[in-house]
Amino acid sequence: MSNSITQCPALREFLAIGLDEAPLDHSTRSRTRRLAGGDVRKAVFDFMLREIGVDPKSETSG
């Protein structure tokens, strides 16, 4: 993922990482993922869905 962020200006803009900033390294992302429980990840995902105009409660899985 770090290579994708480094090479893709649109992805850097979406993640609010300036061109002069280094993206987070793998260990930081892994630690954050481990510390954030499933409830936090779901809340963030639901927030992102609402930001793009999708109602997370209307989505069905599988």
PDB file of N, CA and C in Angstrom:
ATOM      1  N   MET A   1       0.829  -1.197   0.000  1.00  0.00           N
ATOM      2  CA  MET A   1       0.000   0.000   0.000  1.00  0.00           C
ATOM      3  C   MET A   1       0.867   1.251   0.000  1.00  0.00           C
ATOM      4  N   SER A   2       1.984   1.235   0.703  1.00  0.00           N
ATOM      5  CA  SER A   2       2.843   2.415   0.742  1.00  0.00           C
ATOM      6  C   SER A   2       3.296   2.816  -0.659  1.00  0.00           C
ATOM      7  N   ASN A   3       3.614   1.820  -1.500  1.00  0.00           N
ATOM      8  CA  ASN A   3       4.023   2.138  -2.866  1.00  0.00           C
ATOM      9  C   ASN A   3       2.891   2.799  -3.631  1.00  0.00           C
ATOM     10  N   SER A   4       1.662   2.315  -3.437  1.00  0.00           N
ATOM     11  CA  SER A   4       0.509   2.910  -4.113  1.00  0.00           C
ATOM     12  C   SER A   4       0.326   4.357  -3.694  1.00  0.00           C
ATOM     13  N   ILE A   5       0.466   4.616  -2.396  1.00  0.00           N
ATOM     14  CA  ILE A   5       0.304   5.979  -1.892  1.00  0.00           C
ATOM     15  C   ILE A   5       1.397   6.875  -2.447  1.00  0.00           C
ATOM     16  N   THR A   6       2.609   6.368  -2.511  1.00  0.00           N
ATOM     17  CA  THR A   6       3.734   7.153  -3.003  1.00  0.00           C
ATOM     18  C   THR A   6       3.549   7.515  -4.471  1.00  0.00           C
ATOM     19  N   GLN A   7       2.998   6.608  -5.249  1.00  0.00           N
ATOM     20  CA  GLN A   7       2.919   6.785  -6.695  1.00  0.00           C
ATOM     21  C   GLN A   7       1.613   7.394  -7.191  1.00  0.00           C
ATOM     22  N   CYS A   8       0.613   7.536  -6.352  1.00  0.00           N
ATOM     23  CA  CYS A   8      -0.698   7.982  -6.811  1.00  0.00           C
ATOM     24  C   CYS A   8      -1.096   9.307  -6.152  1.00  0.00           C
ATOM     25  N   PRO A   9      -0.976  10.419  -6.881  1.00  0.00           N
ATOM     26  CA  PRO A   9      -1.330  11.722  -6.306  1.00  0.00           C
ATOM     27  C   PRO A   9      -2.784  11.796  -5.830  1.00  0.00           C
ATOM     28  N   ALA A  10      -3.712  11.158  -6.523  1.00  0.00           N
ATOM     29  CA  ALA A  10      -5.123  11.205  -6.119  1.00  0.00           C
ATOM     30  C   ALA A  10      -5.318  10.500  -4.775  1.00  0.00           C
ATOM     31  N   LEU A  11      -4.642   9.387  -4.577  1.00  0.00           N
ATOM     32  CA  LEU A  11      -4.739   8.666  -3.311  1.00  0.00           C
ATOM     33  C   LEU A  11      -4.113   9.486  -2.188  1.00  0.00           C
ATOM     34  N   ARG A  12      -2.989  10.137  -2.462  1.00  0.00           N
ATOM     35  CA  ARG A  12      -2.350  11.000  -1.464  1.00  0.00           C
ATOM     36  C   ARG A  12      -3.292  12.136  -1.078  1.00  0.00           C
ATOM     37  N   GLU A  13      -3.968  12.707  -2.058  1.00  0.00           N
ATOM     38  CA  GLU A  13      -4.906  13.794  -1.772  1.00  0.00           C
ATOM     39  C   GLU A  13      -6.068  13.290  -0.931  1.00  0.00           C
ATOM     40  N   PHE A  14      -6.625  12.126  -1.281  1.00  0.00           N
ATOM     41  CA  PHE A  14      -7.735  11.541  -0.529  1.00  0.00           C
ATOM     42  C   PHE A  14      -7.342  11.299   0.927  1.00  0.00           C
ATOM     43  N   LEU A  15      -6.125  10.838   1.147  1.00  0.00           N
ATOM     44  CA  LEU A  15      -5.645  10.543   2.496  1.00  0.00           C
ATOM     45  C   LEU A  15      -5.048  11.762   3.192  1.00  0.00           C
ATOM     46  N   ALA A  16      -5.067  12.906   2.517  1.00  0.00           N
ATOM     47  CA  ALA A  16      -4.533  14.159   3.060  1.00  0.00           C
ATOM     48  C   ALA A  16      -3.061  14.030   3.431  1.00  0.00           C
ATOM     49  N   ILE A  17      -2.302  13.394   2.538  1.00  0.00           N
ATOM     50  CA  ILE A  17      -0.858  13.273   2.711  1.00  0.00           C
ATOM     51  C   ILE A  17      -0.215  14.150   1.648  1.00  0.00           C
ATOM     52  N   GLY A  18       0.475  15.188   2.086  1.00  0.00           N
ATOM     53  CA  GLY A  18       1.115  16.109   1.151  1.00  0.00           C
ATOM     54  C   GLY A  18       2.193  15.425   0.331  1.00  0.00           C
ATOM     55  N   LEU A  19       2.542  16.037  -0.811  1.00  0.00           N
ATOM     56  CA  LEU A  19       3.569  15.467  -1.679  1.00  0.00           C
ATOM     57  C   LEU A  19       4.926  15.421  -0.994  1.00  0.00           C
ATOM     58  N   ASP A  20       5.142  16.308  -0.028  1.00  0.00           N
ATOM     59  CA  ASP A  20       6.425  16.340   0.674  1.00  0.00           C
ATOM     60  C   ASP A  20       6.436  15.492   1.945  1.00  0.00           C
ATOM     61  N   GLU A  21       5.325  14.793   2.233  1.00  0.00           N
ATOM     62  CA  GLU A  21       5.219  13.948   3.424  1.00  0.00           C
ATOM     63  C   GLU A  21       5.381  12.478   3.055  1.00  0.00           C
ATOM     64  N   ALA A  22       5.997  11.742   3.942  1.00  0.00           N
ATOM     65  CA  ALA A  22       6.119  10.294   3.748  1.00  0.00           C
ATOM     66  C   ALA A  22       4.841   9.614   4.245  1.00  0.00           C
ATOM     67  N   PRO A  23       4.337   8.613   3.525  1.00  0.00           N
ATOM     68  CA  PRO A  23       3.158   7.887   4.018  1.00  0.00           C
ATOM     69  C   PRO A  23       3.515   7.088   5.265  1.00  0.00           C
ATOM     70  N   LEU A  24       2.504   6.704   6.037  1.00  0.00           N
ATOM     71  CA  LEU A  24       2.737   5.887   7.225  1.00  0.00           C
ATOM     72  C   LEU A  24       3.383   4.570   6.831  1.00  0.00           C
ATOM     73  N   ASP A  25       4.294   4.108   7.652  1.00  0.00           N
ATOM     74  CA  ASP A  25       4.920   2.822   7.351  1.00  0.00           C
ATOM     75  C   ASP A  25       4.033   1.671   7.809  1.00  0.00           C
ATOM     76  N   HIS A  26       4.418   0.475   7.410  1.00  0.00           N
ATOM     77  CA  HIS A  26       3.611  -0.717   7.676  1.00  0.00           C
ATOM     78  C   HIS A  26       3.387  -0.927   9.169  1.00  0.00           C
ATOM     79  N   SER A  27       4.405  -0.722   9.994  1.00  0.00           N
ATOM     80  CA  SER A  27       4.255  -0.998  11.425  1.00  0.00           C
ATOM     81  C   SER A  27       3.243  -0.061  12.075  1.00  0.00           C
ATOM     82  N   THR A  28       3.183   1.193  11.632  1.00  0.00           N
ATOM     83  CA  THR A  28       2.203   2.134  12.184  1.00  0.00           C
ATOM     84  C   THR A  28       0.793   1.711  11.810  1.00  0.00           C
ATOM     85  N   ARG A  29       0.592   1.337  10.555  1.00  0.00           N
ATOM     86  CA  ARG A  29      -0.734   0.897  10.124  1.00  0.00           C
ATOM     87  C   ARG A  29      -1.156  -0.371  10.855  1.00  0.00           C
ATOM     88  N   SER A  30      -0.237  -1.322  11.011  1.00  0.00           N
ATOM     89  CA  SER A  30      -0.561  -2.579  11.693  1.00  0.00           C
ATOM     90  C   SER A  30      -0.911  -2.335  13.149  1.00  0.00           C
ATOM     91  N   ARG A  31      -0.145  -1.496  13.821  1.00  0.00           N
ATOM     92  CA  ARG A  31      -0.398  -1.207  15.238  1.00  0.00           C
ATOM     93  C   ARG A  31      -1.760  -0.530  15.400  1.00  0.00           C
ATOM     94  N   THR A  32      -2.048   0.436  14.548  1.00  0.00           N
ATOM     95  CA  THR A  32      -3.324   1.144  14.622  1.00  0.00           C
ATOM     96  C   THR A  32      -4.478   0.178  14.396  1.00  0.00           C
ATOM     97  N   ARG A  33      -4.344  -0.694  13.416  1.00  0.00           N
ATOM     98  CA  ARG A  33      -5.379  -1.677  13.115  1.00  0.00           C
ATOM     99  C   ARG A  33      -5.602  -2.615  14.304  1.00  0.00           C
ATOM    100  N   ARG A  34      -4.514  -3.021  14.945  1.00  0.00           N
ATOM    101  CA  ARG A  34      -4.610  -3.929  16.085  1.00  0.00           C
ATOM    102  C   ARG A  34      -5.281  -3.250  17.277  1.00  0.00           C
ATOM    103  N   LEU A  35      -4.968  -1.955  17.505  1.00  0.00           N
ATOM    104  CA  LEU A  35      -5.522  -1.243  18.658  1.00  0.00           C
ATOM    105  C   LEU A  35      -6.988  -0.849  18.468  1.00  0.00           C
ATOM    106  N   ALA A  36      -7.379  -0.612  17.231  1.00  0.00           N
ATOM    107  CA  ALA A  36      -8.764  -0.221  16.950  1.00  0.00           C
ATOM    108  C   ALA A  36      -9.612  -1.483  16.838  1.00  0.00           C
ATOM    109  N   GLY A  37     -10.539  -1.636  17.723  1.00  0.00           N
ATOM    110  CA  GLY A  37     -11.401  -2.816  17.701  1.00  0.00           C
ATOM    111  C   GLY A  37     -12.360  -2.788  16.529  1.00  0.00           C
ATOM    112  N   GLY A  38     -13.104  -3.865  16.380  1.00  0.00           N
ATOM    113  CA  GLY A  38     -14.060  -3.987  15.284  1.00  0.00           C
ATOM    114  C   GLY A  38     -15.109  -2.892  15.290  1.00  0.00           C
ATOM    115  N   ASP A  39     -15.536  -2.454  16.480  1.00  0.00           N
ATOM    116  CA  ASP A  39     -16.538  -1.395  16.561  1.00  0.00           C
ATOM    117  C   ASP A  39     -16.013  -0.095  15.963  1.00  0.00           C
ATOM    118  N   VAL A  40     -14.749   0.210  16.233  1.00  0.00           N
ATOM    119  CA  VAL A  40     -14.149   1.436  15.694  1.00  0.00           C
ATOM    120  C   VAL A  40     -14.032   1.337  14.185  1.00  0.00           C
ATOM    121  N   ARG A  41     -13.558   0.198  13.704  1.00  0.00           N
ATOM    122  CA  ARG A  41     -13.423   0.032  12.248  1.00  0.00           C
ATOM    123  C   ARG A  41     -14.779   0.139  11.559  1.00  0.00           C
ATOM    124  N   LYS A  42     -15.818  -0.455  12.143  1.00  0.00           N
ATOM    125  CA  LYS A  42     -17.152  -0.365  11.544  1.00  0.00           C
ATOM    126  C   LYS A  42     -17.648   1.072  11.550  1.00  0.00           C
ATOM    127  N   ALA A  43     -17.414   1.788  12.631  1.00  0.00           N
ATOM    128  CA  ALA A  43     -17.844   3.184  12.705  1.00  0.00           C
ATOM    129  C   ALA A  43     -17.149   4.027  11.642  1.00  0.00           C
ATOM    130  N   VAL A  44     -15.857   3.793  11.446  1.00  0.00           N
ATOM    131  CA  VAL A  44     -15.118   4.537  10.421  1.00  0.00           C
ATOM    132  C   VAL A  44     -15.648   4.175   9.036  1.00  0.00           C
ATOM    133  N   PHE A  45     -15.877   2.889   8.790  1.00  0.00           N
ATOM    134  CA  PHE A  45     -16.382   2.459   7.489  1.00  0.00           C
ATOM    135  C   PHE A  45     -17.771   3.043   7.224  1.00  0.00           C
ATOM    136  N   ASP A  46     -18.636   3.019   8.233  1.00  0.00           N
ATOM    137  CA  ASP A  46     -19.976   3.596   8.085  1.00  0.00           C
ATOM    138  C   ASP A  46     -19.892   5.092   7.807  1.00  0.00           C
ATOM    139  N   PHE A  47     -18.971   5.780   8.494  1.00  0.00           N
ATOM    140  CA  PHE A  47     -18.771   7.211   8.250  1.00  0.00           C
ATOM    141  C   PHE A  47     -18.366   7.450   6.796  1.00  0.00           C
ATOM    142  N   MET A  48     -17.439   6.633   6.303  1.00  0.00           N
ATOM    143  CA  MET A  48     -16.990   6.799   4.916  1.00  0.00           C
ATOM    144  C   MET A  48     -18.130   6.551   3.937  1.00  0.00           C
ATOM    145  N   LEU A  49     -18.956   5.551   4.216  1.00  0.00           N
ATOM    146  CA  LEU A  49     -20.107   5.301   3.342  1.00  0.00           C
ATOM    147  C   LEU A  49     -21.048   6.507   3.321  1.00  0.00           C
ATOM    148  N   ARG A  50     -21.330   7.076   4.502  1.00  0.00           N
ATOM    149  CA  ARG A  50     -22.212   8.256   4.552  1.00  0.00           C
ATOM    150  C   ARG A  50     -21.596   9.427   3.798  1.00  0.00           C
ATOM    151  N   GLU A  51     -20.277   9.581   3.858  1.00  0.00           N
ATOM    152  CA  GLU A  51     -19.610  10.669   3.159  1.00  0.00           C
ATOM    153  C   GLU A  51     -19.790  10.581   1.647  1.00  0.00           C
ATOM    154  N   ILE A  52     -19.910   9.370   1.130  1.00  0.00           N
ATOM    155  CA  ILE A  52     -20.107   9.222  -0.316  1.00  0.00           C
ATOM    156  C   ILE A  52     -21.580   9.049  -0.678  1.00  0.00           C
ATOM    157  N   GLY A  53     -22.457   9.230   0.326  1.00  0.00           N
ATOM    158  CA  GLY A  53     -23.884   9.229   0.044  1.00  0.00           C
ATOM    159  C   GLY A  53     -24.556   7.878   0.103  1.00  0.00           C
ATOM    160  N   VAL A  54     -23.946   6.913   0.775  1.00  0.00           N
ATOM    161  CA  VAL A  54     -24.535   5.586   0.900  1.00  0.00           C
ATOM    162  C   VAL A  54     -24.988   5.398   2.342  1.00  0.00           C
ATOM    163  N   ASP A  55     -26.211   4.939   2.524  1.00  0.00           N
ATOM    164  CA  ASP A  55     -26.717   4.655   3.852  1.00  0.00           C
ATOM    165  C   ASP A  55     -26.211   3.286   4.288  1.00  0.00           C
ATOM    166  N   PRO A  56     -25.330   3.231   5.295  1.00  0.00           N
ATOM    167  CA  PRO A  56     -24.771   1.934   5.688  1.00  0.00           C
ATOM    168  C   PRO A  56     -25.812   0.938   6.178  1.00  0.00           C
ATOM    169  N   LYS A  57     -26.927   1.413   6.697  1.00  0.00           N
ATOM    170  CA  LYS A  57     -27.965   0.505   7.186  1.00  0.00           C
ATOM    171  C   LYS A  57     -28.734  -0.159   6.042  1.00  0.00           C
ATOM    172  N   SER A  58     -28.699   0.434   4.862  1.00  0.00           N
ATOM    173  CA  SER A  58     -29.427  -0.142   3.730  1.00  0.00           C
ATOM    174  C   SER A  58     -28.608  -1.184   2.995  1.00  0.00           C
ATOM    175  N   GLU A  59     -27.310  -1.275   3.289  1.00  0.00           N
ATOM    176  CA  GLU A  59     -26.449  -2.241   2.611  1.00  0.00           C
ATOM    177  C   GLU A  59     -26.631  -3.621   3.225  1.00  0.00           C
ATOM    178  N   THR A  60     -26.659  -4.631   2.377  1.00  0.00           N
ATOM    179  CA  THR A  60     -26.742  -6.006   2.860  1.00  0.00           C
ATOM    180  C   THR A  60     -25.441  -6.703   2.537  1.00  0.00           C
ATOM    181  N   SER A  61     -25.046  -7.607   3.364  1.00  0.00           N
ATOM    182  CA  SER A  61     -23.804  -8.340   3.105  1.00  0.00           C
ATOM    183  C   SER A  61     -24.119  -9.654   2.399  1.00  0.00           C
ATOM    184  N   GLY A  62     -23.199  -9.985   1.479  1.00  0.00           N
ATOM    185  CA  GLY A  62     -23.244 -11.259   0.790  1.00  0.00           C
ATOM    186  C   GLY A  62     -24.415 -11.424  -0.039  1.00  0.00           C
TER     187      GLY A  62
END
